[in-house]
Amino acid sequence: MVIEWLTLQLFLYFPEDKSEYLPAGLWLLLFVLFTYFTYKWIVRVSKRQAEETKKLEEEILNRKDTHS
């Protein structure tokens, strides 16, 4: 029981000066924004690729119909 408490004390740090939370908050905000914009970019690229694939599929089907 005492060993668990001592182990937690090594990893938990709650500063007296709350301004020490500011850099961590800014980094968290930065990573959240980066994640959001990366997600939006991936969705946009995925939609574009789906449209290109659909056009290519229609083109192949049209060629197949004209040759048959």
PDB file of N, CA and C in Angstrom:
ATOM      1  N   MET A   1       0.828  -1.189   0.000  1.00  0.00           N
ATOM      2  CA  MET A   1       0.000   0.000   0.000  1.00  0.00           C
ATOM      3  C   MET A   1       0.875   1.257   0.000  1.00  0.00           C
ATOM      4  N   VAL A   2       1.881   1.279   0.836  1.00  0.00           N
ATOM      5  CA  VAL A   2       2.779   2.430   0.924  1.00  0.00           C
ATOM      6  C   VAL A   2       3.594   2.563  -0.354  1.00  0.00           C
ATOM      7  N   ILE A   3       3.985   1.428  -0.908  1.00  0.00           N
ATOM      8  CA  ILE A   3       4.778   1.449  -2.146  1.00  0.00           C
ATOM      9  C   ILE A   3       3.956   2.045  -3.289  1.00  0.00           C
ATOM     10  N   GLU A   4       2.650   1.670  -3.359  1.00  0.00           N
ATOM     11  CA  GLU A   4       1.780   2.231  -4.399  1.00  0.00           C
ATOM     12  C   GLU A   4       1.666   3.749  -4.231  1.00  0.00           C
ATOM     13  N   TRP A   5       1.503   4.213  -3.005  1.00  0.00           N
ATOM     14  CA  TRP A   5       1.373   5.641  -2.752  1.00  0.00           C
ATOM     15  C   TRP A   5       2.646   6.385  -3.155  1.00  0.00           C
ATOM     16  N   LEU A   6       3.794   5.817  -2.824  1.00  0.00           N
ATOM     17  CA  LEU A   6       5.065   6.441  -3.178  1.00  0.00           C
ATOM     18  C   LEU A   6       5.263   6.461  -4.694  1.00  0.00           C
ATOM     19  N   THR A   7       4.836   5.398  -5.356  1.00  0.00           N
ATOM     20  CA  THR A   7       4.956   5.340  -6.809  1.00  0.00           C
ATOM     21  C   THR A   7       4.099   6.419  -7.458  1.00  0.00           C
ATOM     22  N   LEU A   8       2.889   6.600  -6.972  1.00  0.00           N
ATOM     23  CA  LEU A   8       2.017   7.638  -7.518  1.00  0.00           C
ATOM     24  C   LEU A   8       2.595   9.029  -7.258  1.00  0.00           C
ATOM     25  N   GLN A   9       3.215   9.216  -6.136  1.00  0.00           N
ATOM     26  CA  GLN A   9       3.796  10.516  -5.818  1.00  0.00           C
ATOM     27  C   GLN A   9       4.938  10.871  -6.770  1.00  0.00           C
ATOM     28  N   LEU A  10       5.597   9.862  -7.320  1.00  0.00           N
ATOM     29  CA  LEU A  10       6.674  10.125  -8.276  1.00  0.00           C
ATOM     30  C   LEU A  10       6.138  10.668  -9.600  1.00  0.00           C
ATOM     31  N   PHE A  11       4.953  10.232 -10.009  1.00  0.00           N
ATOM     32  CA  PHE A  11       4.426  10.584 -11.327  1.00  0.00           C
ATOM     33  C   PHE A  11       3.399  11.700 -11.295  1.00  0.00           C
ATOM     34  N   LEU A  12       2.775  11.954 -10.159  1.00  0.00           N
ATOM     35  CA  LEU A  12       1.780  13.012 -10.065  1.00  0.00           C
ATOM     36  C   LEU A  12       2.438  14.275  -9.521  1.00  0.00           C
ATOM     37  N   TYR A  13       2.224  15.358 -10.245  1.00  0.00           N
ATOM     38  CA  TYR A  13       2.798  16.622  -9.815  1.00  0.00           C
ATOM     39  C   TYR A  13       1.744  17.704 -10.002  1.00  0.00           C
ATOM     40  N   PHE A  14       1.336  18.318  -8.938  1.00  0.00           N
ATOM     41  CA  PHE A  14       0.369  19.399  -8.990  1.00  0.00           C
ATOM     42  C   PHE A  14       1.069  20.658  -8.483  1.00  0.00           C
ATOM     43  N   PRO A  15       1.437  21.555  -9.396  1.00  0.00           N
ATOM     44  CA  PRO A  15       2.220  22.729  -8.990  1.00  0.00           C
ATOM     45  C   PRO A  15       1.398  23.715  -8.163  1.00  0.00           C
ATOM     46  N   GLU A  16       2.075  24.383  -7.284  1.00  0.00           N
ATOM     47  CA  GLU A  16       1.442  25.440  -6.498  1.00  0.00           C
ATOM     48  C   GLU A  16       1.106  26.627  -7.395  1.00  0.00           C
ATOM     49  N   ASP A  17       2.041  26.943  -8.297  1.00  0.00           N
ATOM     50  CA  ASP A  17       1.848  28.058  -9.221  1.00  0.00           C
ATOM     51  C   ASP A  17       1.070  27.544 -10.430  1.00  0.00           C
ATOM     52  N   LYS A  18      -0.182  27.943 -10.545  1.00  0.00           N
ATOM     53  CA  LYS A  18      -1.047  27.412 -11.607  1.00  0.00           C
ATOM     54  C   LYS A  18      -0.648  27.905 -12.999  1.00  0.00           C
ATOM     55  N   SER A  19       0.231  28.881 -13.081  1.00  0.00           N
ATOM     56  CA  SER A  19       0.674  29.353 -14.399  1.00  0.00           C
ATOM     57  C   SER A  19       1.535  28.298 -15.103  1.00  0.00           C
ATOM     58  N   GLU A  20       1.970  27.295 -14.374  1.00  0.00           N
ATOM     59  CA  GLU A  20       2.737  26.215 -14.994  1.00  0.00           C
ATOM     60  C   GLU A  20       1.853  25.342 -15.881  1.00  0.00           C
ATOM     61  N   TYR A  21       0.545  25.464 -15.734  1.00  0.00           N
ATOM     62  CA  TYR A  21      -0.370  24.718 -16.600  1.00  0.00           C
ATOM     63  C   TYR A  21      -0.492  25.355 -17.981  1.00  0.00           C
ATOM     64  N   LEU A  22      -0.152  26.620 -18.109  1.00  0.00           N
ATOM     65  CA  LEU A  22      -0.329  27.349 -19.365  1.00  0.00           C
ATOM     66  C   LEU A  22       0.436  26.732 -20.536  1.00  0.00           C
ATOM     67  N   PRO A  23       1.721  26.431 -20.437  1.00  0.00           N
ATOM     68  CA  PRO A  23       2.405  25.817 -21.576  1.00  0.00           C
ATOM     69  C   PRO A  23       1.785  24.483 -21.992  1.00  0.00           C
ATOM     70  N   ALA A  24       1.396  23.686 -21.020  1.00  0.00           N
ATOM     71  CA  ALA A  24       0.774  22.395 -21.341  1.00  0.00           C
ATOM     72  C   ALA A  24      -0.560  22.614 -22.048  1.00  0.00           C
ATOM     73  N   GLY A  25      -1.312  23.586 -21.609  1.00  0.00           N
ATOM     74  CA  GLY A  25      -2.587  23.895 -22.254  1.00  0.00           C
ATOM     75  C   GLY A  25      -2.404  24.381 -23.681  1.00  0.00           C
ATOM     76  N   LEU A  26      -1.383  25.203 -23.880  1.00  0.00           N
ATOM     77  CA  LEU A  26      -1.114  25.696 -25.233  1.00  0.00           C
ATOM     78  C   LEU A  26      -0.675  24.567 -26.161  1.00  0.00           C
ATOM     79  N   TRP A  27       0.175  23.679 -25.657  1.00  0.00           N
ATOM     80  CA  TRP A  27       0.600  22.535 -26.474  1.00  0.00           C
ATOM     81  C   TRP A  27      -0.586  21.626 -26.792  1.00  0.00           C
ATOM     82  N   LEU A  28      -1.459  21.423 -25.811  1.00  0.00           N
ATOM     83  CA  LEU A  28      -2.651  20.606 -26.038  1.00  0.00           C
ATOM     84  C   LEU A  28      -3.528  21.245 -27.106  1.00  0.00           C
ATOM     85  N   LEU A  29      -3.746  22.546 -27.016  1.00  0.00           N
ATOM     86  CA  LEU A  29      -4.544  23.251 -28.015  1.00  0.00           C
ATOM     87  C   LEU A  29      -3.905  23.136 -29.397  1.00  0.00           C
ATOM     88  N   LEU A  30      -2.606  23.295 -29.462  1.00  0.00           N
ATOM     89  CA  LEU A  30      -1.898  23.182 -30.734  1.00  0.00           C
ATOM     90  C   LEU A  30      -2.102  21.797 -31.353  1.00  0.00           C
ATOM     91  N   PHE A  31      -1.939  20.745 -30.566  1.00  0.00           N
ATOM     92  CA  PHE A  31      -2.095  19.392 -31.090  1.00  0.00           C
ATOM     93  C   PHE A  31      -3.543  19.080 -31.462  1.00  0.00           C
ATOM     94  N   VAL A  32      -4.497  19.600 -30.707  1.00  0.00           N
ATOM     95  CA  VAL A  32      -5.901  19.395 -31.048  1.00  0.00           C
ATOM     96  C   VAL A  32      -6.220  20.073 -32.376  1.00  0.00           C
ATOM     97  N   LEU A  33      -5.745  21.297 -32.564  1.00  0.00           N
ATOM     98  CA  LEU A  33      -5.972  21.998 -33.830  1.00  0.00           C
ATOM     99  C   LEU A  33      -5.292  21.278 -34.987  1.00  0.00           C
ATOM    100  N   PHE A  34      -4.063  20.836 -34.773  1.00  0.00           N
ATOM    101  CA  PHE A  34      -3.347  20.098 -35.812  1.00  0.00           C
ATOM    102  C   PHE A  34      -4.101  18.818 -36.175  1.00  0.00           C
ATOM    103  N   THR A  35      -4.614  18.120 -35.179  1.00  0.00           N
ATOM    104  CA  THR A  35      -5.374  16.898 -35.414  1.00  0.00           C
ATOM    105  C   THR A  35      -6.647  17.197 -36.196  1.00  0.00           C
ATOM    106  N   TYR A  36      -7.339  18.265 -35.838  1.00  0.00           N
ATOM    107  CA  TYR A  36      -8.584  18.643 -36.524  1.00  0.00           C
ATOM    108  C   TYR A  36      -8.310  18.951 -37.995  1.00  0.00           C
ATOM    109  N   PHE A  37      -7.299  19.783 -38.259  1.00  0.00           N
ATOM    110  CA  PHE A  37      -7.013  20.139 -39.647  1.00  0.00           C
ATOM    111  C   PHE A  37      -6.498  18.946 -40.448  1.00  0.00           C
ATOM    112  N   THR A  38      -5.762  18.056 -39.820  1.00  0.00           N
ATOM    113  CA  THR A  38      -5.313  16.837 -40.494  1.00  0.00           C
ATOM    114  C   THR A  38      -6.507  15.956 -40.843  1.00  0.00           C
ATOM    115  N   TYR A  39      -7.443  15.828 -39.920  1.00  0.00           N
ATOM    116  CA  TYR A  39      -8.659  15.045 -40.168  1.00  0.00           C
ATOM    117  C   TYR A  39      -9.437  15.624 -41.341  1.00  0.00           C
ATOM    118  N   LYS A  40      -9.640  16.937 -41.341  1.00  0.00           N
ATOM    119  CA  LYS A  40     -10.391  17.582 -42.428  1.00  0.00           C
ATOM    120  C   LYS A  40      -9.675  17.386 -43.766  1.00  0.00           C
ATOM    121  N   TRP A  41      -8.349  17.479 -43.775  1.00  0.00           N
ATOM    122  CA  TRP A  41      -7.582  17.280 -45.004  1.00  0.00           C
ATOM    123  C   TRP A  41      -7.743  15.852 -45.520  1.00  0.00           C
ATOM    124  N   ILE A  42      -7.680  14.873 -44.615  1.00  0.00           N
ATOM    125  CA  ILE A  42      -7.837  13.473 -45.013  1.00  0.00           C
ATOM    126  C   ILE A  42      -9.226  13.234 -45.590  1.00  0.00           C
ATOM    127  N   VAL A  43     -10.252  13.803 -44.973  1.00  0.00           N
ATOM    128  CA  VAL A  43     -11.617  13.640 -45.486  1.00  0.00           C
ATOM    129  C   VAL A  43     -11.742  14.263 -46.870  1.00  0.00           C
ATOM    130  N   ARG A  44     -11.167  15.443 -47.062  1.00  0.00           N
ATOM    131  CA  ARG A  44     -11.246  16.118 -48.366  1.00  0.00           C
ATOM    132  C   ARG A  44     -10.534  15.303 -49.440  1.00  0.00           C
ATOM    133  N   VAL A  45      -9.351  14.797 -49.148  1.00  0.00           N
ATOM    134  CA  VAL A  45      -8.604  13.986 -50.106  1.00  0.00           C
ATOM    135  C   VAL A  45      -9.364  12.699 -50.408  1.00  0.00           C
ATOM    136  N   SER A  46      -9.953  12.107 -49.390  1.00  0.00           N
ATOM    137  CA  SER A  46     -10.707  10.864 -49.566  1.00  0.00           C
ATOM    138  C   SER A  46     -11.914  11.086 -50.479  1.00  0.00           C
ATOM    139  N   LYS A  47     -12.635  12.190 -50.293  1.00  0.00           N
ATOM    140  CA  LYS A  47     -13.783  12.492 -51.161  1.00  0.00           C
ATOM    141  C   LYS A  47     -13.331  12.695 -52.596  1.00  0.00           C
ATOM    142  N   ARG A  48     -12.227  13.406 -52.780  1.00  0.00           N
ATOM    143  CA  ARG A  48     -11.710  13.641 -54.127  1.00  0.00           C
ATOM    144  C   ARG A  48     -11.326  12.320 -54.788  1.00  0.00           C
ATOM    145  N   GLN A  49     -10.680  11.451 -54.050  1.00  0.00           N
ATOM    146  CA  GLN A  49     -10.292  10.149 -54.602  1.00  0.00           C
ATOM    147  C   GLN A  49     -11.518   9.299 -54.918  1.00  0.00           C
ATOM    148  N   ALA A  50     -12.554   9.376 -54.090  1.00  0.00           N
ATOM    149  CA  ALA A  50     -13.779   8.615 -54.352  1.00  0.00           C
ATOM    150  C   ALA A  50     -14.446   9.116 -55.632  1.00  0.00           C
ATOM    151  N   GLU A  51     -14.470  10.436 -55.846  1.00  0.00           N
ATOM    152  CA  GLU A  51     -15.052  10.987 -57.069  1.00  0.00           C
ATOM    153  C   GLU A  51     -14.253  10.556 -58.295  1.00  0.00           C
ATOM    154  N   GLU A  52     -12.937  10.610 -58.201  1.00  0.00           N
ATOM    155  CA  GLU A  52     -12.095  10.181 -59.325  1.00  0.00           C
ATOM    156  C   GLU A  52     -12.293   8.697 -59.627  1.00  0.00           C
ATOM    157  N   THR A  53     -12.424   7.891 -58.589  1.00  0.00           N
ATOM    158  CA  THR A  53     -12.645   6.456 -58.777  1.00  0.00           C
ATOM    159  C   THR A  53     -13.995   6.203 -59.426  1.00  0.00           C
ATOM    160  N   LYS A  54     -15.004   6.960 -59.012  1.00  0.00           N
ATOM    161  CA  LYS A  54     -16.339   6.795 -59.596  1.00  0.00           C
ATOM    162  C   LYS A  54     -16.322   7.171 -61.081  1.00  0.00           C
ATOM    163  N   LYS A  55     -15.645   8.266 -61.417  1.00  0.00           N
ATOM    164  CA  LYS A  55     -15.539   8.662 -62.824  1.00  0.00           C
ATOM    165  C   LYS A  55     -14.806   7.607 -63.637  1.00  0.00           C
ATOM    166  N   LEU A  56     -13.732   7.083 -63.090  1.00  0.00           N
ATOM    167  CA  LEU A  56     -12.968   6.051 -63.782  1.00  0.00           C
ATOM    168  C   LEU A  56     -13.809   4.788 -63.963  1.00  0.00           C
ATOM    169  N   GLU A  57     -14.558   4.426 -62.962  1.00  0.00           N
ATOM    170  CA  GLU A  57     -15.419   3.251 -63.050  1.00  0.00           C
ATOM    171  C   GLU A  57     -16.484   3.444 -64.134  1.00  0.00           C
ATOM    172  N   GLU A  58     -17.103   4.626 -64.179  1.00  0.00           N
ATOM    173  CA  GLU A  58     -18.106   4.900 -65.204  1.00  0.00           C
ATOM    174  C   GLU A  58     -17.482   4.864 -66.596  1.00  0.00           C
ATOM    175  N   GLU A  59     -16.279   5.411 -66.720  1.00  0.00           N
ATOM    176  CA  GLU A  59     -15.585   5.403 -68.005  1.00  0.00           C
ATOM    177  C   GLU A  59     -15.301   3.974 -68.454  1.00  0.00           C
ATOM    178  N   ILE A  60     -14.856   3.133 -67.550  1.00  0.00           N
ATOM    179  CA  ILE A  60     -14.565   1.735 -67.890  1.00  0.00           C
ATOM    180  C   ILE A  60     -15.847   1.009 -68.279  1.00  0.00           C
ATOM    181  N   LEU A  61     -16.918   1.248 -67.541  1.00  0.00           N
ATOM    182  CA  LEU A  61     -18.189   0.600 -67.872  1.00  0.00           C
ATOM    183  C   LEU A  61     -18.713   1.075 -69.221  1.00  0.00           C
ATOM    184  N   ASN A  62     -18.543   2.359 -69.541  1.00  0.00           N
ATOM    185  CA  ASN A  62     -18.990   2.879 -70.834  1.00  0.00           C
ATOM    186  C   ASN A  62     -18.175   2.256 -71.964  1.00  0.00           C
ATOM    187  N   ARG A  63     -16.875   2.088 -71.763  1.00  0.00           N
ATOM    188  CA  ARG A  63     -16.037   1.446 -72.782  1.00  0.00           C
ATOM    189  C   ARG A  63     -16.468   0.005 -72.988  1.00  0.00           C
ATOM    190  N   LYS A  64     -16.759  -0.674 -71.880  1.00  0.00           N
ATOM    191  CA  LYS A  64     -17.154  -2.063 -71.949  1.00  0.00           C
ATOM    192  C   LYS A  64     -18.472  -2.202 -72.723  1.00  0.00           C
ATOM    193  N   ASP A  65     -19.421  -1.281 -72.482  1.00  0.00           N
ATOM    194  CA  ASP A  65     -20.712  -1.312 -73.162  1.00  0.00           C
ATOM    195  C   ASP A  65     -20.571  -1.031 -74.659  1.00  0.00           C
ATOM    196  N   THR A  66     -19.687  -0.124 -75.036  1.00  0.00           N
ATOM    197  CA  THR A  66     -19.523   0.218 -76.448  1.00  0.00           C
ATOM    198  C   THR A  66     -18.799  -0.878 -77.215  1.00  0.00           C
ATOM    199  N   HIS A  67     -17.955  -1.639 -76.573  1.00  0.00           N
ATOM    200  CA  HIS A  67     -17.207  -2.709 -77.230  1.00  0.00           C
ATOM    201  C   HIS A  67     -18.031  -3.997 -77.319  1.00  0.00           C
ATOM    202  N   SER A  68     -19.054  -4.118 -76.532  1.00  0.00           N
ATOM    203  CA  SER A  68     -19.841  -5.373 -76.532  1.00  0.00           C
ATOM    204  C   SER A  68     -20.848  -5.410 -77.638  1.00  0.00           C
TER     205      SER A  68
END
